Amino acid sequence: MNFFGYLELCKPRIGVMIALTAAVGYAAVAESLDPAALVVLVLAMLLGSAGSSVFNHFYDRDIDRRMKRTAGRPLAAGLISKPVHALWFSGLLLVAGLWLALGAFNWAVALHLFLGAFIYAIVYTVWLKRRTWLNIVIGGAAGSFAVLAGAAAFDPGVWLLPVLMAITLFLWTPSHFWALAILLKDDYAGVGVPMLPVLVGEARCSRWILGNTILLVMSAAVPWMMGLLGAVYGAVSTGAALLFLWQNIRLFRAPGRSEARQVFLGSMQYLSLVFLAVVLDRHLPVLW
C-alpha cells in the first residue's frame, strides 16, 4: 500500500483549513473552550474533508495528468494502480467522519459535514467544474458548512453569528480561487475547465475579484456592526480588510500573475486574521 500516496489524496492542507474553520465556528459560540470536544471536532472534519478530497482526485484524474500542477498526483501519475481503491477509501473516510460527528455531537454537525463534502465532491467536482465559470462560486459553499458544523458542535440552536460567518467564507472563496486561477490560467485552458480568467482574461477577472472582495469585507463587518462581536474583532478585521483591499486594488491597476500571487497569498492571510479576530474577541479575557 502506498501510504504517502493515499495521504496526498486526502489533501491534508485543505483538511487542516476545514478543521480550523470548524474550530473557529465552535469558538465563536462557545462560552468556554473544551479541548476534548475541539480535538474530536477537528478529527471528524479532517475525515470528512479527506473523503471528498480523495473523490476529487479520483474523478479528476483524467485532467490532472494533463496539467503541470497536478500531473504528479498519485492517481494521475499512476502511483496507485487501482483507482477503485481510492473510491472505496473516499467512502470509508466520509462514513468515519459522519459516524464520529453523529456519535460525539449531534445530527446537525453530521449534516453540515455531509453537505460540505457533497458540495465539494459532487456539486463542484462532478456537476460544475467542467461546465461553468460559476463552479468555484457555488462550490465555495462547501467551506461554509465547516463553520456551521463547528457552531452546531456546541449548540445547534445558535445560528445568527455562524450564518454570518458562513456568508463571509462563501464570499472569500472566489477572491481566493480566481487569483489562483490567474496563475494557472494556461493549465485550465489546456484542459477546457472554464475558470473565470480563462473566459474573460486577467484584466476583467481582476475587476471581478475586486468587486467580490468589497462584498467580502462588507460581510465580515456585519457581525461587529450588529454587536455580535466586539471591538477586538472590529479592529483586527478592519485592519486585515484594508490590507487585502489594497492588494486587490494593485491587481486591478496592474493585472498580471505577480499581483495575482499577492492577492492569492493575501487572501489566506486575510482569512487567518479574521479567524484570529473571532477567537480573540470571544476568548481574550480567558486567554489572559
Foldseek 3Di string as FASTA:
>chain_A
DPVVLLVVLLVQVVLQVLLLLLQLLQLLQDLDDDVVLSVLSSQLSSLLSSLLSLLLCLLCLVLLCVFPVRVPRCSVVCVPVDSVVSNVSSVVSLVVSLVSLPVLAHPLLSVLSVVLSCLSRPVQRPPAQLPDQCSQLSSQLSSLSSSLSSNVRVPNVDDDVSVLVSVLSSLLRLLQVLLVCLVRVVSCVVSRGPHPCVPVNQQVSLVVSLVSLVVNLVSLCVCDVVVSFHDLLVVQLVVLSVVLNVLSVVCNVPPDNVSSVVNNVSSVVNVVSNSVSSNCRSCVVVVD
